[in-house]
């Protein structure tokens, strides 16, 4: 059974090398842009998160009235109002929301790192698996660096860490796609 899964996984991996390459290239370009403009990348992340919270809060608010008169109404109403408030705060004060975004990035990078390490071991012994392992380890190290700087992690450091993470993930995907293509 495991041999069939491995064969299917490796077949799909070989078929997606072009997709992996282009995703990796896009991530690498975003990483370079974030490194060159770290303050702007942090501001963009804060504004994006703010708009997502704001729009999701409005949608939740509208949806909460569809369950008006039931017990969950007040919970849905409270969550929607909190989402709107968080979104408005981030949109109008994006630099003040930096600490929350920093904590979110710590969690995101840890999860991403674990995923990439698991992905690397799934690929093993396929050529290029070590590149994904290195990318996963880099994500975890970045998460720990960010966490160590809390709460004083600066606006520039956050943008730089985002850039390094995107760049390492992008390079990992590019190198995996090339290694798999050469082995095929």
N, C-alpha and C. Protein backbone atom coordinates (compact mmCIF):
# COMPACT_ATOMS: atom_id res chain seq x y z
N UNK A 1 0.83 -1.20 0.00
CA UNK A 1 0.00 0.00 0.00
C UNK A 1 0.87 1.25 0.00
N UNK A 2 1.89 1.28 0.86
CA UNK A 2 2.76 2.45 0.94
C UNK A 2 3.51 2.67 -0.38
N UNK A 3 3.93 1.60 -1.04
CA UNK A 3 4.62 1.74 -2.32
C UNK A 3 3.74 2.38 -3.38
N UNK A 4 2.44 2.06 -3.37
CA UNK A 4 1.51 2.66 -4.32
C UNK A 4 1.37 4.14 -4.06
N UNK A 5 1.28 4.52 -2.77
CA UNK A 5 1.17 5.94 -2.43
C UNK A 5 2.42 6.69 -2.84
N UNK A 6 3.59 6.10 -2.54
CA UNK A 6 4.84 6.75 -2.92
C UNK A 6 4.92 6.92 -4.43
N UNK A 7 4.51 5.90 -5.17
CA UNK A 7 4.54 6.00 -6.62
C UNK A 7 3.62 7.09 -7.13
N UNK A 8 2.43 7.16 -6.57
CA UNK A 8 1.47 8.19 -6.96
C UNK A 8 1.99 9.57 -6.60
N UNK A 9 2.54 9.71 -5.39
CA UNK A 9 3.09 10.99 -4.96
C UNK A 9 4.21 11.44 -5.89
N UNK A 10 5.14 10.55 -6.18
CA UNK A 10 6.27 10.92 -7.03
C UNK A 10 5.84 11.21 -8.46
N UNK A 11 4.83 10.50 -8.94
CA UNK A 11 4.31 10.77 -10.28
C UNK A 11 3.69 12.17 -10.33
N UNK A 12 2.91 12.50 -9.32
CA UNK A 12 2.29 13.84 -9.27
C UNK A 12 3.34 14.92 -9.08
N UNK A 13 4.37 14.64 -8.30
CA UNK A 13 5.44 15.60 -8.09
C UNK A 13 6.17 15.89 -9.39
N UNK A 14 6.48 14.82 -10.15
CA UNK A 14 7.15 15.02 -11.45
C UNK A 14 6.26 15.81 -12.40
N UNK A 15 4.95 15.57 -12.35
CA UNK A 15 4.02 16.25 -13.25
C UNK A 15 3.86 17.74 -12.90
N UNK A 16 4.19 18.09 -11.66
CA UNK A 16 3.97 19.48 -11.23
C UNK A 16 5.26 20.29 -11.13
N UNK A 17 6.33 19.83 -11.75
CA UNK A 17 7.60 20.56 -11.61
C UNK A 17 7.51 21.97 -12.18
N UNK A 18 6.81 22.16 -13.28
CA UNK A 18 6.68 23.49 -13.86
C UNK A 18 5.91 24.41 -12.91
N UNK A 19 4.84 23.89 -12.33
CA UNK A 19 4.05 24.67 -11.38
C UNK A 19 4.89 25.04 -10.16
N UNK A 20 5.65 24.08 -9.62
CA UNK A 20 6.51 24.35 -8.47
C UNK A 20 7.54 25.43 -8.80
N UNK A 21 8.09 25.37 -10.00
CA UNK A 21 9.09 26.36 -10.42
C UNK A 21 8.50 27.76 -10.42
N UNK A 22 7.33 27.94 -11.04
CA UNK A 22 6.72 29.27 -11.17
C UNK A 22 6.24 29.81 -9.82
N UNK A 23 5.71 28.94 -8.97
CA UNK A 23 5.34 29.36 -7.62
C UNK A 23 6.59 29.79 -6.87
N UNK A 24 7.65 29.01 -6.99
CA UNK A 24 8.91 29.35 -6.33
C UNK A 24 9.48 30.67 -6.83
N UNK A 25 9.42 30.88 -8.14
CA UNK A 25 9.92 32.13 -8.71
C UNK A 25 9.12 33.33 -8.20
N UNK A 26 7.80 33.19 -8.17
CA UNK A 26 6.95 34.29 -7.68
C UNK A 26 7.27 34.59 -6.21
N UNK A 27 7.42 33.55 -5.40
CA UNK A 27 7.76 33.77 -3.99
C UNK A 27 9.13 34.41 -3.84
N UNK A 28 10.10 33.99 -4.65
CA UNK A 28 11.45 34.56 -4.58
C UNK A 28 11.43 36.05 -4.95
N UNK A 29 10.67 36.40 -5.98
CA UNK A 29 10.56 37.81 -6.38
C UNK A 29 9.90 38.64 -5.27
N UNK A 30 8.83 38.11 -4.67
CA UNK A 30 8.19 38.80 -3.55
C UNK A 30 9.16 38.94 -2.38
N UNK A 31 9.95 37.92 -2.14
CA UNK A 31 10.93 37.98 -1.07
C UNK A 31 11.98 39.06 -1.30
N UNK A 32 12.46 39.16 -2.52
CA UNK A 32 13.45 40.20 -2.85
C UNK A 32 12.82 41.58 -2.69
N UNK A 33 11.59 41.75 -3.15
CA UNK A 33 10.91 43.04 -3.00
C UNK A 33 10.73 43.40 -1.52
N UNK A 34 10.37 42.41 -0.70
CA UNK A 34 10.21 42.67 0.73
C UNK A 34 11.54 43.03 1.39
N UNK A 35 12.62 42.43 0.93
CA UNK A 35 13.95 42.75 1.47
C UNK A 35 14.39 44.15 1.08
N UNK A 36 14.08 44.54 -0.14
CA UNK A 36 14.48 45.85 -0.62
C UNK A 36 13.63 46.95 0.04
N UNK A 37 12.35 46.65 0.30
CA UNK A 37 11.43 47.62 0.89
C UNK A 37 10.76 47.05 2.16
N UNK A 38 11.52 46.84 3.24
CA UNK A 38 10.96 46.16 4.42
C UNK A 38 9.85 46.94 5.12
N UNK A 39 9.95 48.25 5.17
CA UNK A 39 8.90 49.03 5.83
C UNK A 39 7.61 48.95 5.03
N UNK A 40 7.74 49.03 3.73
CA UNK A 40 6.56 48.95 2.86
C UNK A 40 5.93 47.57 2.94
N UNK A 41 6.75 46.52 3.00
CA UNK A 41 6.19 45.17 3.07
C UNK A 41 5.45 44.95 4.38
N UNK A 42 5.95 45.50 5.47
CA UNK A 42 5.24 45.38 6.75
C UNK A 42 3.95 46.18 6.71
N UNK A 43 4.00 47.38 6.16
CA UNK A 43 2.80 48.20 6.03
C UNK A 43 1.76 47.50 5.15
N UNK A 44 2.20 46.91 4.04
CA UNK A 44 1.28 46.19 3.15
C UNK A 44 0.63 45.01 3.87
N UNK A 45 1.41 44.29 4.66
CA UNK A 45 0.86 43.14 5.40
C UNK A 45 -0.18 43.61 6.42
N UNK A 46 0.11 44.70 7.11
CA UNK A 46 -0.84 45.23 8.10
C UNK A 46 -2.12 45.70 7.43
N UNK A 47 -1.98 46.41 6.33
CA UNK A 47 -3.17 46.89 5.61
C UNK A 47 -3.99 45.74 5.04
N UNK A 48 -3.31 44.75 4.48
CA UNK A 48 -4.02 43.59 3.93
C UNK A 48 -4.81 42.88 5.02
N UNK A 49 -4.15 42.64 6.16
CA UNK A 49 -4.84 41.98 7.27
C UNK A 49 -6.02 42.81 7.74
N UNK A 50 -5.83 44.10 7.80
CA UNK A 50 -6.92 44.98 8.22
C UNK A 50 -8.13 44.90 7.30
N UNK A 51 -7.89 44.95 5.99
CA UNK A 51 -9.00 44.86 5.04
C UNK A 51 -9.68 43.50 5.09
N UNK A 52 -8.90 42.44 5.28
CA UNK A 52 -9.50 41.10 5.39
C UNK A 52 -10.42 41.03 6.61
N UNK A 53 -9.93 41.51 7.75
CA UNK A 53 -10.77 41.53 8.95
C UNK A 53 -12.01 42.39 8.76
N UNK A 54 -11.83 43.55 8.14
CA UNK A 54 -12.95 44.46 7.93
C UNK A 54 -14.02 43.83 7.05
N UNK A 55 -13.63 43.30 5.91
CA UNK A 55 -14.61 42.69 5.00
C UNK A 55 -15.24 41.44 5.59
N UNK A 56 -14.44 40.60 6.24
CA UNK A 56 -15.01 39.39 6.83
C UNK A 56 -15.96 39.76 7.96
N UNK A 57 -15.66 40.81 8.70
CA UNK A 57 -16.56 41.27 9.76
C UNK A 57 -17.89 41.74 9.21
N UNK A 58 -17.85 42.46 8.11
CA UNK A 58 -19.10 42.92 7.49
C UNK A 58 -19.91 41.73 7.00
N UNK A 59 -19.27 40.77 6.37
CA UNK A 59 -19.97 39.57 5.90
C UNK A 59 -20.56 38.80 7.08
N UNK A 60 -19.78 38.66 8.15
CA UNK A 60 -20.28 37.98 9.35
C UNK A 60 -21.44 38.75 9.98
N UNK A 61 -21.38 40.07 9.96
CA UNK A 61 -22.45 40.89 10.51
C UNK A 61 -23.75 40.65 9.75
N UNK A 62 -23.66 40.68 8.44
CA UNK A 62 -24.85 40.43 7.61
C UNK A 62 -25.37 39.02 7.86
N UNK A 63 -24.44 38.06 7.93
CA UNK A 63 -24.84 36.67 8.16
C UNK A 63 -25.44 36.45 9.54
N UNK A 64 -25.01 37.24 10.53
CA UNK A 64 -25.54 37.04 11.88
C UNK A 64 -27.03 37.33 11.95
N UNK A 65 -27.51 38.23 11.10
CA UNK A 65 -28.94 38.55 11.12
C UNK A 65 -29.79 37.46 10.49
N UNK A 66 -29.15 36.53 9.78
CA UNK A 66 -29.91 35.40 9.25
C UNK A 66 -30.24 34.39 10.35
N UNK A 67 -29.53 34.48 11.47
CA UNK A 67 -29.83 33.58 12.60
C UNK A 67 -30.41 34.37 13.77
N UNK A 68 -30.96 35.58 13.49
CA UNK A 68 -31.55 36.44 14.53
C UNK A 68 -32.66 35.68 15.23
N UNK A 69 -32.69 35.82 16.54
CA UNK A 69 -33.71 35.15 17.33
C UNK A 69 -33.26 33.81 17.86
N UNK A 70 -32.05 33.38 17.50
CA UNK A 70 -31.53 32.11 18.00
C UNK A 70 -30.40 32.40 18.97
N UNK A 71 -29.99 31.42 19.72
CA UNK A 71 -28.91 31.56 20.69
C UNK A 71 -27.60 32.01 20.08
N UNK A 72 -27.18 31.45 18.94
CA UNK A 72 -25.88 31.83 18.36
C UNK A 72 -25.85 33.25 17.79
N UNK A 73 -27.00 33.93 17.72
CA UNK A 73 -27.04 35.27 17.13
C UNK A 73 -26.06 36.21 17.82
N UNK A 74 -26.09 36.25 19.16
CA UNK A 74 -25.25 37.20 19.87
C UNK A 74 -23.76 36.87 19.74
N UNK A 75 -23.44 35.60 19.69
CA UNK A 75 -22.05 35.20 19.46
C UNK A 75 -21.58 35.63 18.08
N UNK A 76 -22.40 35.38 17.07
CA UNK A 76 -22.06 35.77 15.70
C UNK A 76 -21.98 37.29 15.58
N UNK A 77 -22.89 37.98 16.25
CA UNK A 77 -22.87 39.45 16.22
C UNK A 77 -21.61 39.98 16.89
N UNK A 78 -21.23 39.41 18.03
CA UNK A 78 -20.03 39.84 18.74
C UNK A 78 -18.77 39.60 17.91
N UNK A 79 -18.66 38.42 17.31
CA UNK A 79 -17.49 38.10 16.48
C UNK A 79 -17.41 39.05 15.28
N UNK A 80 -18.54 39.33 14.67
CA UNK A 80 -18.53 40.22 13.50
C UNK A 80 -18.10 41.63 13.90
N UNK A 81 -18.61 42.13 15.04
CA UNK A 81 -18.25 43.47 15.48
C UNK A 81 -16.78 43.54 15.89
N UNK A 82 -16.27 42.48 16.53
CA UNK A 82 -14.84 42.44 16.87
C UNK A 82 -13.97 42.41 15.61
N UNK A 83 -14.39 41.66 14.61
CA UNK A 83 -13.63 41.59 13.35
C UNK A 83 -13.62 42.96 12.66
N UNK A 84 -14.77 43.63 12.66
CA UNK A 84 -14.84 44.97 12.06
C UNK A 84 -13.94 45.93 12.82
N UNK A 85 -13.98 45.87 14.15
CA UNK A 85 -13.14 46.76 14.96
C UNK A 85 -11.65 46.48 14.73
N UNK A 86 -11.27 45.21 14.70
CA UNK A 86 -9.86 44.86 14.46
C UNK A 86 -9.43 45.31 13.07
N UNK A 87 -10.29 45.11 12.08
CA UNK A 87 -9.97 45.52 10.72
C UNK A 87 -9.83 47.03 10.61
N UNK A 88 -10.77 47.76 11.20
CA UNK A 88 -10.71 49.22 11.14
C UNK A 88 -9.45 49.72 11.85
N UNK A 89 -9.12 49.11 12.99
CA UNK A 89 -7.91 49.52 13.70
C UNK A 89 -6.67 49.32 12.83
N UNK A 90 -6.56 48.16 12.20
CA UNK A 90 -5.38 47.88 11.36
C UNK A 90 -5.34 48.78 10.12
N UNK A 91 -6.50 49.05 9.54
CA UNK A 91 -6.53 49.90 8.34
C UNK A 91 -6.14 51.33 8.68
N UNK A 92 -6.63 51.84 9.81
CA UNK A 92 -6.36 53.23 10.16
C UNK A 92 -5.08 53.42 11.00
N UNK A 93 -4.60 52.35 11.61
CA UNK A 93 -3.37 52.40 12.42
C UNK A 93 -2.51 51.16 12.13
N UNK A 94 -2.05 50.99 10.90
CA UNK A 94 -1.36 49.74 10.55
C UNK A 94 -0.06 49.51 11.33
N UNK A 95 0.63 50.58 11.70
CA UNK A 95 1.88 50.39 12.43
C UNK A 95 1.63 49.96 13.87
N UNK A 96 0.51 50.37 14.43
CA UNK A 96 0.18 49.98 15.81
C UNK A 96 -0.19 48.49 15.90
N UNK A 97 -0.65 47.92 14.79
CA UNK A 97 -1.00 46.50 14.77
C UNK A 97 0.18 45.59 14.53
N UNK A 98 1.36 46.15 14.53
CA UNK A 98 2.58 45.40 14.22
C UNK A 98 2.82 44.23 15.18
N UNK A 99 2.57 44.40 16.47
CA UNK A 99 2.82 43.33 17.43
C UNK A 99 1.93 42.12 17.15
N UNK A 100 0.65 42.38 16.87
CA UNK A 100 -0.26 41.28 16.55
C UNK A 100 0.17 40.54 15.29
N UNK A 101 0.59 41.29 14.29
CA UNK A 101 1.07 40.67 13.06
C UNK A 101 2.36 39.89 13.30
N UNK A 102 3.19 40.40 14.17
CA UNK A 102 4.44 39.71 14.49
C UNK A 102 4.16 38.36 15.14
N UNK A 103 3.23 38.33 16.07
CA UNK A 103 2.87 37.06 16.72
C UNK A 103 2.26 36.11 15.69
N UNK A 104 1.41 36.65 14.82
CA UNK A 104 0.82 35.82 13.76
C UNK A 104 1.90 35.23 12.86
N UNK A 105 2.91 36.03 12.51
CA UNK A 105 4.00 35.52 11.66
C UNK A 105 4.79 34.42 12.35
N UNK A 106 4.99 34.54 13.65
CA UNK A 106 5.69 33.49 14.38
C UNK A 106 4.95 32.17 14.20
N UNK A 107 3.64 32.20 14.41
CA UNK A 107 2.83 30.98 14.27
C UNK A 107 2.84 30.49 12.82
N UNK A 108 2.66 31.40 11.87
CA UNK A 108 2.64 31.04 10.45
C UNK A 108 3.96 30.39 10.03
N UNK A 109 5.08 31.00 10.40
CA UNK A 109 6.38 30.46 10.00
C UNK A 109 6.63 29.11 10.64
N UNK A 110 6.20 28.93 11.89
CA UNK A 110 6.37 27.62 12.52
C UNK A 110 5.56 26.54 11.79
N UNK A 111 4.31 26.84 11.47
CA UNK A 111 3.47 25.88 10.76
C UNK A 111 4.04 25.60 9.37
N UNK A 112 4.45 26.66 8.68
CA UNK A 112 5.04 26.49 7.35
C UNK A 112 6.30 25.64 7.42
N UNK A 113 7.15 25.90 8.41
CA UNK A 113 8.38 25.13 8.55
C UNK A 113 8.11 23.66 8.80
N UNK A 114 7.15 23.38 9.67
CA UNK A 114 6.80 21.98 9.93
C UNK A 114 6.26 21.33 8.66
N UNK A 115 5.37 22.02 7.93
CA UNK A 115 4.83 21.49 6.68
C UNK A 115 5.95 21.17 5.69
N UNK A 116 6.88 22.10 5.53
CA UNK A 116 7.95 21.89 4.56
C UNK A 116 8.87 20.74 4.98
N UNK A 117 9.11 20.58 6.27
CA UNK A 117 9.94 19.46 6.74
C UNK A 117 9.22 18.14 6.47
N UNK A 118 7.92 18.09 6.77
CA UNK A 118 7.15 16.88 6.48
C UNK A 118 7.15 16.60 4.98
N UNK A 119 6.97 17.65 4.17
CA UNK A 119 7.00 17.51 2.71
C UNK A 119 8.35 16.97 2.25
N UNK A 120 9.43 17.48 2.86
CA UNK A 120 10.77 17.02 2.48
C UNK A 120 10.93 15.52 2.76
N UNK A 121 10.46 15.07 3.91
CA UNK A 121 10.60 13.64 4.24
C UNK A 121 9.66 12.78 3.41
N UNK A 122 8.54 13.34 2.94
CA UNK A 122 7.67 12.61 2.02
C UNK A 122 8.37 12.43 0.67
N UNK A 123 9.14 13.43 0.27
CA UNK A 123 9.86 13.38 -1.01
C UNK A 123 11.04 12.43 -0.97
N UNK A 124 11.61 12.26 0.21
CA UNK A 124 12.82 11.45 0.34
C UNK A 124 12.58 10.04 -0.14
N UNK A 125 13.41 9.43 -0.86
CA UNK A 125 14.77 9.75 -1.24
C UNK A 125 14.87 10.47 -2.59
N UNK A 126 13.78 11.06 -3.04
CA UNK A 126 13.78 11.76 -4.33
C UNK A 126 14.82 12.88 -4.31
N UNK A 127 15.51 13.08 -5.42
CA UNK A 127 16.52 14.16 -5.46
C UNK A 127 15.88 15.51 -5.17
N UNK A 128 16.58 16.32 -4.40
CA UNK A 128 16.11 17.65 -4.10
C UNK A 128 15.35 17.77 -2.79
N UNK A 129 15.09 16.64 -2.13
CA UNK A 129 14.32 16.69 -0.90
C UNK A 129 15.02 17.53 0.18
N UNK A 130 16.34 17.53 0.14
CA UNK A 130 17.08 18.27 1.17
C UNK A 130 16.87 19.78 1.06
N UNK A 131 16.60 20.26 -0.16
CA UNK A 131 16.35 21.70 -0.31
C UNK A 131 15.07 22.11 0.41
N UNK A 132 14.05 21.27 0.34
CA UNK A 132 12.81 21.57 1.03
C UNK A 132 13.02 21.48 2.54
N UNK A 133 13.85 20.53 2.96
CA UNK A 133 14.17 20.41 4.38
C UNK A 133 14.86 21.68 4.88
N UNK A 134 15.81 22.18 4.11
CA UNK A 134 16.51 23.42 4.48
C UNK A 134 15.54 24.59 4.54
N UNK A 135 14.62 24.67 3.59
CA UNK A 135 13.63 25.74 3.60
C UNK A 135 12.75 25.66 4.85
N UNK A 136 12.34 24.46 5.23
CA UNK A 136 11.53 24.29 6.43
C UNK A 136 12.28 24.70 7.69
N UNK A 137 13.54 24.29 7.76
CA UNK A 137 14.36 24.68 8.91
C UNK A 137 14.56 26.20 8.96
N UNK A 138 14.73 26.83 7.79
CA UNK A 138 14.88 28.29 7.74
C UNK A 138 13.62 28.97 8.25
N UNK A 139 12.44 28.45 7.89
CA UNK A 139 11.19 29.03 8.37
C UNK A 139 11.08 28.95 9.89
N UNK A 140 11.47 27.82 10.44
CA UNK A 140 11.41 27.65 11.90
C UNK A 140 12.42 28.56 12.59
N UNK A 141 13.61 28.69 12.04
CA UNK A 141 14.62 29.59 12.62
C UNK A 141 14.13 31.03 12.57
N UNK A 142 13.51 31.43 11.45
CA UNK A 142 12.97 32.79 11.35
C UNK A 142 11.88 33.02 12.39
N UNK A 143 11.03 32.04 12.61
CA UNK A 143 9.98 32.17 13.63
C UNK A 143 10.61 32.39 15.00
N UNK A 144 11.65 31.64 15.30
CA UNK A 144 12.30 31.79 16.60
C UNK A 144 13.01 33.14 16.73
N UNK A 145 13.59 33.63 15.64
CA UNK A 145 14.22 34.96 15.67
C UNK A 145 13.19 36.05 15.92
N UNK A 146 12.05 35.95 15.25
CA UNK A 146 10.99 36.93 15.45
C UNK A 146 10.52 36.89 16.90
N UNK A 147 10.25 35.69 17.41
CA UNK A 147 9.75 35.54 18.78
C UNK A 147 10.76 36.07 19.80
N UNK A 148 12.03 35.87 19.56
CA UNK A 148 13.06 36.33 20.49
C UNK A 148 13.09 37.86 20.57
N UNK A 149 12.68 38.54 19.51
CA UNK A 149 12.69 40.00 19.50
C UNK A 149 11.43 40.65 20.02
N UNK A 150 10.43 39.85 20.40
CA UNK A 150 9.17 40.41 20.88
C UNK A 150 9.36 41.08 22.23
N UNK A 151 8.73 42.17 22.52
CA UNK A 151 7.85 42.96 21.66
C UNK A 151 8.59 44.01 20.84
N UNK A 152 9.90 44.03 20.97
CA UNK A 152 10.65 45.10 20.32
C UNK A 152 11.04 44.85 18.89
N UNK A 153 10.52 43.80 18.27
CA UNK A 153 10.87 43.53 16.88
C UNK A 153 10.50 44.76 16.05
N UNK A 154 11.47 45.31 15.39
CA UNK A 154 11.24 46.57 14.70
C UNK A 154 10.48 46.38 13.40
N UNK A 155 9.97 47.47 12.93
CA UNK A 155 9.24 47.48 11.67
C UNK A 155 10.11 47.00 10.51
N UNK A 156 11.35 47.37 10.51
CA UNK A 156 12.25 46.96 9.43
C UNK A 156 12.58 45.47 9.54
N UNK A 157 12.82 45.01 10.77
CA UNK A 157 13.17 43.59 10.94
C UNK A 157 12.02 42.69 10.48
N UNK A 158 10.79 43.09 10.76
CA UNK A 158 9.64 42.30 10.34
C UNK A 158 9.58 42.17 8.81
N UNK A 159 9.80 43.27 8.11
CA UNK A 159 9.81 43.23 6.64
C UNK A 159 10.96 42.40 6.10
N UNK A 160 12.12 42.50 6.75
CA UNK A 160 13.28 41.70 6.33
C UNK A 160 13.00 40.21 6.54
N UNK A 161 12.43 39.86 7.68
CA UNK A 161 12.15 38.45 7.95
C UNK A 161 11.10 37.90 6.99
N UNK A 162 10.11 38.70 6.64
CA UNK A 162 9.15 38.27 5.62
C UNK A 162 9.86 38.00 4.30
N UNK A 163 10.73 38.92 3.92
CA UNK A 163 11.46 38.76 2.67
C UNK A 163 12.34 37.53 2.65
N UNK A 164 13.05 37.28 3.73
CA UNK A 164 13.92 36.10 3.81
C UNK A 164 13.08 34.83 3.74
N UNK A 165 11.94 34.83 4.44
CA UNK A 165 11.09 33.64 4.41
C UNK A 165 10.55 33.38 3.01
N UNK A 166 10.03 34.41 2.34
CA UNK A 166 9.52 34.22 0.98
C UNK A 166 10.64 33.78 0.04
N UNK A 167 11.80 34.39 0.19
CA UNK A 167 12.92 34.04 -0.68
C UNK A 167 13.38 32.61 -0.45
N UNK A 168 13.51 32.17 0.81
CA UNK A 168 13.97 30.80 1.06
C UNK A 168 12.93 29.78 0.60
N UNK A 169 11.65 30.08 0.80
CA UNK A 169 10.61 29.16 0.33
C UNK A 169 10.60 29.10 -1.19
N UNK A 170 10.70 30.26 -1.82
CA UNK A 170 10.74 30.29 -3.29
C UNK A 170 11.92 29.53 -3.85
N UNK A 171 13.10 29.75 -3.27
CA UNK A 171 14.28 29.01 -3.73
C UNK A 171 14.14 27.52 -3.49
N UNK A 172 13.54 27.15 -2.36
CA UNK A 172 13.30 25.73 -2.09
C UNK A 172 12.44 25.09 -3.16
N UNK A 173 11.36 25.76 -3.54
CA UNK A 173 10.48 25.23 -4.58
C UNK A 173 11.18 25.17 -5.94
N UNK A 174 11.95 26.22 -6.26
CA UNK A 174 12.67 26.24 -7.54
C UNK A 174 13.67 25.08 -7.60
N UNK A 175 14.45 24.91 -6.54
CA UNK A 175 15.48 23.87 -6.52
C UNK A 175 14.87 22.47 -6.53
N UNK A 176 13.75 22.29 -5.84
CA UNK A 176 13.06 20.99 -5.88
C UNK A 176 12.55 20.71 -7.29
N UNK A 177 11.96 21.72 -7.93
CA UNK A 177 11.43 21.49 -9.29
C UNK A 177 12.55 21.12 -10.26
N UNK A 178 13.70 21.78 -10.12
CA UNK A 178 14.83 21.48 -10.99
C UNK A 178 15.38 20.08 -10.73
N UNK A 179 15.52 19.71 -9.46
CA UNK A 179 16.05 18.40 -9.13
C UNK A 179 15.14 17.28 -9.59
N UNK A 180 13.85 17.46 -9.43
CA UNK A 180 12.88 16.43 -9.86
C UNK A 180 12.88 16.32 -11.38
N UNK A 181 12.95 17.49 -12.05
CA UNK A 181 12.96 17.47 -13.52
C UNK A 181 14.21 16.77 -14.04
N UNK A 182 15.37 17.00 -13.41
CA UNK A 182 16.61 16.33 -13.85
C UNK A 182 16.55 14.83 -13.62
N UNK A 183 15.89 14.42 -12.53
CA UNK A 183 15.83 13.00 -12.20
C UNK A 183 14.84 12.24 -13.07
N UNK A 184 13.89 12.96 -13.66
CA UNK A 184 12.85 12.30 -14.47
C UNK A 184 13.34 11.79 -15.78
